[in-house]
Amino acid sequence: MEKLGFTRDDLAVFGVEAKDTRERILSERVRPRLEEIAYRFAPPLSRLSGKPLAAVIHLPSEAAPRAQASASFIPVGADVNSAPYFTFSLTRGGVHARLIIERQHVGREQIAKKLTKAAAQLARDLGEADLRCYDEWDGRGIPAPSTDKKAPFWRELAARLGKTTGQLDIGLGWPEARAVLLAYEDLLPAYRNLVPLYKHVSG
């Protein structure tokens, strides 16, 4: 299987204090790999989600514990503050396939109601998925897996999303040792796990 090609040095770039060195590594090594992920995954994610998605590349401007580089898949005509979106992110601790609703999303309360109504169905659909919550993550390693994804788990996520400063940030992650071995074929099944949730919150 063809690997994504990220190395331990790529992951370590977020801790490089020298700006010129950090930006060179991000530009020469990280961005091309993110662009390849964007190119390969925008079409299948569009098919899975039922929406045309466009990829946006983000590179961090400074070194920080929560710094990340990402390829985000956003509905055409929207932005990260107006629609739920898929993202592939690279951090010091590993790589991550996530679904995010930002705090700035003006429709969070309505989406939270949808999520509450869908709690029982999501418990059935995603009870076995290796999902992790990233909304309170410190940026180090990857979050611990959510062990009990029954209906109360989804209702709690909905309650948090509906708060004034709420957000939804959930997905799957691979720590450094696995991230450097990850193949393109490993990513699509991860996003398939997130599609049932995406359809409930984006409809």
C-alpha atoms as a PDB file:
ATOM      1  CA  MET A   1       0.000   0.000   0.000  1.00  0.00           C
ATOM      2  CA  GLU A   2       1.191   3.495  -0.820  1.00  0.00           C
ATOM      3  CA  LYS A   3       2.093   5.433   2.317  1.00  0.00           C
ATOM      4  CA  LEU A   4       1.182   9.043   3.014  1.00  0.00           C
ATOM      5  CA  GLY A   5       4.900   9.686   3.407  1.00  0.00           C
ATOM      6  CA  PHE A   6       4.961  11.776   6.597  1.00  0.00           C
ATOM      7  CA  THR A   7       8.060  11.298   8.739  1.00  0.00           C
ATOM      8  CA  ARG A   8       8.918  11.889  12.390  1.00  0.00           C
ATOM      9  CA  ASP A   9      10.750  15.042  11.290  1.00  0.00           C
ATOM     10  CA  ASP A  10       7.557  16.291   9.630  1.00  0.00           C
ATOM     11  CA  LEU A  11       5.641  15.816  12.874  1.00  0.00           C
ATOM     12  CA  ALA A  12       8.402  17.474  14.867  1.00  0.00           C
ATOM     13  CA  VAL A  13       8.226  20.641  12.747  1.00  0.00           C
ATOM     14  CA  PHE A  14       5.574  22.129  15.051  1.00  0.00           C
ATOM     15  CA  GLY A  15       8.167  22.388  17.797  1.00  0.00           C
ATOM     16  CA  VAL A  16      10.840  24.069  15.660  1.00  0.00           C
ATOM     17  CA  GLU A  17      11.365  27.567  17.052  1.00  0.00           C
ATOM     18  CA  ALA A  18      13.391  28.912  14.122  1.00  0.00           C
ATOM     19  CA  LYS A  19      10.736  30.432  11.855  1.00  0.00           C
ATOM     20  CA  ASP A  20      12.723  30.127   8.605  1.00  0.00           C
ATOM     21  CA  THR A  21      13.465  26.445   9.211  1.00  0.00           C
ATOM     22  CA  ARG A  22       9.890  25.681  10.237  1.00  0.00           C
ATOM     23  CA  GLU A  23       8.390  27.431   7.223  1.00  0.00           C
ATOM     24  CA  ARG A  24      10.813  25.704   4.848  1.00  0.00           C
ATOM     25  CA  ILE A  25       9.880  22.246   6.148  1.00  0.00           C
ATOM     26  CA  LEU A  26       6.189  23.068   6.017  1.00  0.00           C
ATOM     27  CA  SER A  27       6.456  24.438   2.484  1.00  0.00           C
ATOM     28  CA  GLU A  28       8.785  21.818   1.020  1.00  0.00           C
ATOM     29  CA  ARG A  29       7.646  18.650   2.806  1.00  0.00           C
ATOM     30  CA  VAL A  30       4.287  19.026   4.521  1.00  0.00           C
ATOM     31  CA  ARG A  31       2.303  21.121   2.026  1.00  0.00           C
ATOM     32  CA  PRO A  32       2.928  18.818  -0.995  1.00  0.00           C
ATOM     33  CA  ARG A  33       1.707  15.807   0.992  1.00  0.00           C
ATOM     34  CA  LEU A  34      -1.390  17.673   2.180  1.00  0.00           C
ATOM     35  CA  GLU A  35      -2.086  18.767  -1.390  1.00  0.00           C
ATOM     36  CA  GLU A  36      -1.876  15.142  -2.521  1.00  0.00           C
ATOM     37  CA  ILE A  37      -4.341  14.123   0.203  1.00  0.00           C
ATOM     38  CA  ALA A  38      -6.640  16.962  -0.867  1.00  0.00           C
ATOM     39  CA  TYR A  39      -6.444  15.861  -4.514  1.00  0.00           C
ATOM     40  CA  ARG A  40      -7.124  12.206  -3.725  1.00  0.00           C
ATOM     41  CA  PHE A  41      -9.859  12.577  -1.137  1.00  0.00           C
ATOM     42  CA  ALA A  42     -12.035  15.498  -2.239  1.00  0.00           C
ATOM     43  CA  PRO A  43     -13.860  13.342  -4.862  1.00  0.00           C
ATOM     44  CA  PRO A  44     -14.623  10.291  -2.645  1.00  0.00           C
ATOM     45  CA  LEU A  45     -15.580  12.456   0.333  1.00  0.00           C
ATOM     46  CA  SER A  46     -17.897  14.428  -1.928  1.00  0.00           C
ATOM     47  CA  ARG A  47     -19.572  11.180  -3.005  1.00  0.00           C
ATOM     48  CA  LEU A  48     -19.843   9.867   0.555  1.00  0.00           C
ATOM     49  CA  SER A  49     -21.222  13.104   1.963  1.00  0.00           C
ATOM     50  CA  GLY A  50     -23.569  13.830  -0.925  1.00  0.00           C
ATOM     51  CA  LYS A  51     -22.158  17.352  -1.229  1.00  0.00           C
ATOM     52  CA  PRO A  52     -19.473  18.809  -3.536  1.00  0.00           C
ATOM     53  CA  LEU A  53     -16.472  19.500  -1.315  1.00  0.00           C
ATOM     54  CA  ALA A  54     -13.462  21.704  -1.990  1.00  0.00           C
ATOM     55  CA  ALA A  55     -10.150  21.282  -0.179  1.00  0.00           C
ATOM     56  CA  VAL A  56      -8.390  24.090   1.681  1.00  0.00           C
ATOM     57  CA  ILE A  57      -4.797  23.771   2.924  1.00  0.00           C
ATOM     58  CA  HIS A  58      -3.776  25.394   6.197  1.00  0.00           C
ATOM     59  CA  LEU A  59      -0.232  25.753   7.542  1.00  0.00           C
ATOM     60  CA  PRO A  60       0.447  27.141  11.036  1.00  0.00           C
ATOM     61  CA  SER A  61       2.108  30.529  11.361  1.00  0.00           C
ATOM     62  CA  GLU A  62       3.899  29.795  14.633  1.00  0.00           C
ATOM     63  CA  ALA A  63       5.168  26.979  16.835  1.00  0.00           C
ATOM     64  CA  ALA A  64       2.685  26.056  19.560  1.00  0.00           C
ATOM     65  CA  PRO A  65       1.498  22.907  21.374  1.00  0.00           C
ATOM     66  CA  ARG A  66      -1.809  22.914  19.475  1.00  0.00           C
ATOM     67  CA  ALA A  67      -0.324  23.938  16.113  1.00  0.00           C
ATOM     68  CA  GLN A  68      -1.444  21.846  13.179  1.00  0.00           C
ATOM     69  CA  ALA A  69      -1.290  21.682   9.423  1.00  0.00           C
ATOM     70  CA  SER A  70      -4.397  20.488   7.652  1.00  0.00           C
ATOM     71  CA  ALA A  71      -6.315  19.738   4.498  1.00  0.00           C
ATOM     72  CA  SER A  72      -9.970  20.568   5.148  1.00  0.00           C
ATOM     73  CA  PHE A  73     -12.879  19.476   2.963  1.00  0.00           C
ATOM     74  CA  ILE A  74     -15.563  22.160   2.952  1.00  0.00           C
ATOM     75  CA  PRO A  75     -18.822  22.365   0.967  1.00  0.00           C
ATOM     76  CA  VAL A  76     -18.374  24.462  -2.157  1.00  0.00           C
ATOM     77  CA  GLY A  77     -19.492  28.038  -1.469  1.00  0.00           C
ATOM     78  CA  ALA A  78     -19.083  27.692   2.321  1.00  0.00           C
ATOM     79  CA  ASP A  79     -16.238  28.223   4.766  1.00  0.00           C
ATOM     80  CA  VAL A  80     -15.179  26.637   8.059  1.00  0.00           C
ATOM     81  CA  ASN A  81     -17.415  29.000  10.043  1.00  0.00           C
ATOM     82  CA  SER A  82     -20.586  28.309   8.075  1.00  0.00           C
ATOM     83  CA  ALA A  83     -20.644  24.530   7.580  1.00  0.00           C
ATOM     84  CA  PRO A  84     -19.515  21.294   9.237  1.00  0.00           C
ATOM     85  CA  TYR A  85     -16.404  20.001   7.525  1.00  0.00           C
ATOM     86  CA  PHE A  86     -14.021  17.069   7.336  1.00  0.00           C
ATOM     87  CA  THR A  87     -10.352  17.670   7.951  1.00  0.00           C
ATOM     88  CA  PHE A  88      -7.093  15.749   7.848  1.00  0.00           C
ATOM     89  CA  SER A  89      -4.638  17.269  10.306  1.00  0.00           C
ATOM     90  CA  LEU A  90      -0.998  16.761  11.161  1.00  0.00           C
ATOM     91  CA  THR A  91       0.285  17.626  14.670  1.00  0.00           C
ATOM     92  CA  ARG A  92       3.282  16.910  16.864  1.00  0.00           C
ATOM     93  CA  GLY A  93       1.483  13.866  18.254  1.00  0.00           C
ATOM     94  CA  GLY A  94       0.274  12.217  15.077  1.00  0.00           C
ATOM     95  CA  VAL A  95      -2.281  12.532  12.289  1.00  0.00           C
ATOM     96  CA  HIS A  96      -6.045  12.833  12.580  1.00  0.00           C
ATOM     97  CA  ALA A  97      -9.213  12.423  10.477  1.00  0.00           C
ATOM     98  CA  ARG A  98     -11.884  14.651  12.027  1.00  0.00           C
ATOM     99  CA  LEU A  99     -15.306  16.225  11.633  1.00  0.00           C
ATOM    100  CA  ILE A 100     -15.539  19.776  12.998  1.00  0.00           C
ATOM    101  CA  ILE A 101     -18.201  22.378  13.688  1.00  0.00           C
ATOM    102  CA  GLU A 102     -16.485  25.584  14.728  1.00  0.00           C
ATOM    103  CA  ARG A 103     -17.479  27.784  17.667  1.00  0.00           C
ATOM    104  CA  GLN A 104     -18.174  30.611  15.203  1.00  0.00           C
ATOM    105  CA  HIS A 105     -20.829  28.604  13.335  1.00  0.00           C
ATOM    106  CA  VAL A 106     -24.019  30.646  13.640  1.00  0.00           C
ATOM    107  CA  GLY A 107     -26.271  27.588  13.354  1.00  0.00           C
ATOM    108  CA  ARG A 108     -24.784  25.570  16.207  1.00  0.00           C
ATOM    109  CA  GLU A 109     -27.957  25.577  18.310  1.00  0.00           C
ATOM    110  CA  GLN A 110     -30.048  24.170  15.472  1.00  0.00           C
ATOM    111  CA  ILE A 111     -27.407  21.551  14.705  1.00  0.00           C
ATOM    112  CA  ALA A 112     -27.290  20.601  18.401  1.00  0.00           C
ATOM    113  CA  LYS A 113     -31.044  19.891  18.269  1.00  0.00           C
ATOM    114  CA  LYS A 114     -30.523  17.643  15.226  1.00  0.00           C
ATOM    115  CA  LEU A 115     -27.741  15.830  17.037  1.00  0.00           C
ATOM    116  CA  THR A 116     -29.943  15.275  20.086  1.00  0.00           C
ATOM    117  CA  LYS A 117     -32.707  13.783  17.937  1.00  0.00           C
ATOM    118  CA  ALA A 118     -30.207  11.525  16.160  1.00  0.00           C
ATOM    119  CA  ALA A 119     -28.543  10.249  19.364  1.00  0.00           C
ATOM    120  CA  ALA A 120     -30.124   6.788  19.356  1.00  0.00           C
ATOM    121  CA  GLN A 121     -29.413   6.255  15.648  1.00  0.00           C
ATOM    122  CA  LEU A 122     -25.800   7.406  16.010  1.00  0.00           C
ATOM    123  CA  ALA A 123     -25.335   5.037  18.938  1.00  0.00           C
ATOM    124  CA  ARG A 124     -26.375   2.192  16.643  1.00  0.00           C
ATOM    125  CA  ASP A 125     -24.354   3.372  13.644  1.00  0.00           C
ATOM    126  CA  LEU A 126     -21.134   4.411  15.416  1.00  0.00           C
ATOM    127  CA  GLY A 127     -21.088   2.422  18.640  1.00  0.00           C
ATOM    128  CA  GLU A 128     -18.110   0.359  17.461  1.00  0.00           C
ATOM    129  CA  ALA A 129     -16.137   3.186  15.808  1.00  0.00           C
ATOM    130  CA  ASP A 130     -12.837   4.190  17.433  1.00  0.00           C
ATOM    131  CA  LEU A 131     -13.882   7.820  17.871  1.00  0.00           C
ATOM    132  CA  ARG A 132     -12.062  10.436  19.929  1.00  0.00           C
ATOM    133  CA  CYS A 133     -13.222  13.865  21.109  1.00  0.00           C
ATOM    134  CA  TYR A 134     -10.864  16.708  20.238  1.00  0.00           C
ATOM    135  CA  ASP A 135     -12.728  19.734  21.612  1.00  0.00           C
ATOM    136  CA  GLU A 136     -10.771  19.730  24.906  1.00  0.00           C
ATOM    137  CA  TRP A 137      -7.599  18.196  23.476  1.00  0.00           C
ATOM    138  CA  ASP A 138      -4.270  19.757  24.479  1.00  0.00           C
ATOM    139  CA  GLY A 139      -2.592  19.058  21.142  1.00  0.00           C
ATOM    140  CA  ARG A 140      -0.210  16.439  22.530  1.00  0.00           C
ATOM    141  CA  GLY A 141      -0.442  12.860  21.319  1.00  0.00           C
ATOM    142  CA  ILE A 142      -3.985  11.910  20.415  1.00  0.00           C
ATOM    143  CA  PRO A 143      -7.085  11.998  22.645  1.00  0.00           C
ATOM    144  CA  ALA A 144      -8.139   8.849  24.457  1.00  0.00           C
ATOM    145  CA  PRO A 145     -10.889   6.914  22.665  1.00  0.00           C
ATOM    146  CA  SER A 146     -14.465   7.494  23.739  1.00  0.00           C
ATOM    147  CA  THR A 147     -15.381   4.154  25.306  1.00  0.00           C
ATOM    148  CA  ASP A 148     -19.160   4.457  25.661  1.00  0.00           C
ATOM    149  CA  LYS A 149     -20.828   5.856  22.566  1.00  0.00           C
ATOM    150  CA  LYS A 150     -24.412   5.093  23.487  1.00  0.00           C
ATOM    151  CA  ALA A 151     -27.176   7.672  23.119  1.00  0.00           C
ATOM    152  CA  PRO A 152     -26.203   9.689  26.270  1.00  0.00           C
ATOM    153  CA  PHE A 153     -22.743  10.258  24.766  1.00  0.00           C
ATOM    154  CA  TRP A 154     -24.258  11.891  21.678  1.00  0.00           C
ATOM    155  CA  ARG A 155     -26.718  13.922  23.721  1.00  0.00           C
ATOM    156  CA  GLU A 156     -23.824  15.219  25.818  1.00  0.00           C
ATOM    157  CA  LEU A 157     -21.948  16.237  22.658  1.00  0.00           C
ATOM    158  CA  ALA A 158     -25.092  18.011  21.486  1.00  0.00           C
ATOM    159  CA  ALA A 159     -25.378  19.876  24.794  1.00  0.00           C
ATOM    160  CA  ARG A 160     -21.763  21.002  24.569  1.00  0.00           C
ATOM    161  CA  LEU A 161     -22.222  22.100  20.968  1.00  0.00           C
ATOM    162  CA  GLY A 162     -25.241  24.197  21.875  1.00  0.00           C
ATOM    163  CA  LYS A 163     -23.397  26.242  24.501  1.00  0.00           C
ATOM    164  CA  THR A 164     -22.252  29.796  23.750  1.00  0.00           C
ATOM    165  CA  THR A 165     -18.652  28.634  23.302  1.00  0.00           C
ATOM    166  CA  GLY A 166     -19.535  25.146  22.091  1.00  0.00           C
ATOM    167  CA  GLN A 167     -18.086  23.230  19.190  1.00  0.00           C
ATOM    168  CA  LEU A 168     -17.980  19.703  17.792  1.00  0.00           C
ATOM    169  CA  ASP A 169     -14.593  18.180  17.054  1.00  0.00           C
ATOM    170  CA  ILE A 170     -14.558  14.395  16.789  1.00  0.00           C
ATOM    171  CA  GLY A 171     -12.649  11.846  14.766  1.00  0.00           C
ATOM    172  CA  LEU A 172      -9.993   9.186  14.628  1.00  0.00           C
ATOM    173  CA  GLY A 173      -6.280   9.535  15.261  1.00  0.00           C
ATOM    174  CA  TRP A 174      -3.013   7.719  14.754  1.00  0.00           C
ATOM    175  CA  PRO A 175      -0.045   8.412  17.081  1.00  0.00           C
ATOM    176  CA  GLU A 176       3.385   9.157  15.682  1.00  0.00           C
ATOM    177  CA  ALA A 177       4.530   5.519  15.486  1.00  0.00           C
ATOM    178  CA  ARG A 178       1.513   4.594  13.363  1.00  0.00           C
ATOM    179  CA  ALA A 179       1.236   7.910  11.541  1.00  0.00           C
ATOM    180  CA  VAL A 180       4.552   7.440   9.748  1.00  0.00           C
ATOM    181  CA  LEU A 181       3.329   4.077   8.433  1.00  0.00           C
ATOM    182  CA  LEU A 182      -0.163   5.188   7.448  1.00  0.00           C
ATOM    183  CA  ALA A 183      -1.289   4.495   3.874  1.00  0.00           C
ATOM    184  CA  TYR A 184      -3.815   6.298   1.696  1.00  0.00           C
ATOM    185  CA  GLU A 185      -6.011   3.213   1.893  1.00  0.00           C
ATOM    186  CA  ASP A 186      -6.277   3.656   5.670  1.00  0.00           C
ATOM    187  CA  LEU A 187      -7.908   7.075   5.482  1.00  0.00           C
ATOM    188  CA  LEU A 188     -11.152   6.497   3.600  1.00  0.00           C
ATOM    189  CA  PRO A 189     -12.492   3.901   6.097  1.00  0.00           C
ATOM    190  CA  ALA A 190     -11.816   6.434   8.858  1.00  0.00           C
ATOM    191  CA  TYR A 191     -13.888   9.076   7.113  1.00  0.00           C
ATOM    192  CA  ARG A 192     -16.626   6.538   6.393  1.00  0.00           C
ATOM    193  CA  ASN A 193     -17.025   6.243  10.167  1.00  0.00           C
ATOM    194  CA  LEU A 194     -17.778   9.967  10.301  1.00  0.00           C
ATOM    195  CA  VAL A 195     -20.230  10.111   7.404  1.00  0.00           C
ATOM    196  CA  PRO A 196     -23.377   9.115   9.381  1.00  0.00           C
ATOM    197  CA  LEU A 197     -22.673  11.931  11.826  1.00  0.00           C
ATOM    198  CA  TYR A 198     -21.898  14.366   9.004  1.00  0.00           C
ATOM    199  CA  LYS A 199     -25.224  13.683   7.321  1.00  0.00           C
ATOM    200  CA  HIS A 200     -27.144  14.338  10.524  1.00  0.00           C
ATOM    201  CA  VAL A 201     -25.412  17.631  11.299  1.00  0.00           C
ATOM    202  CA  SER A 202     -25.154  19.001   7.765  1.00  0.00           C
ATOM    203  CA  GLY A 203     -28.612  18.226   6.409  1.00  0.00           C
END
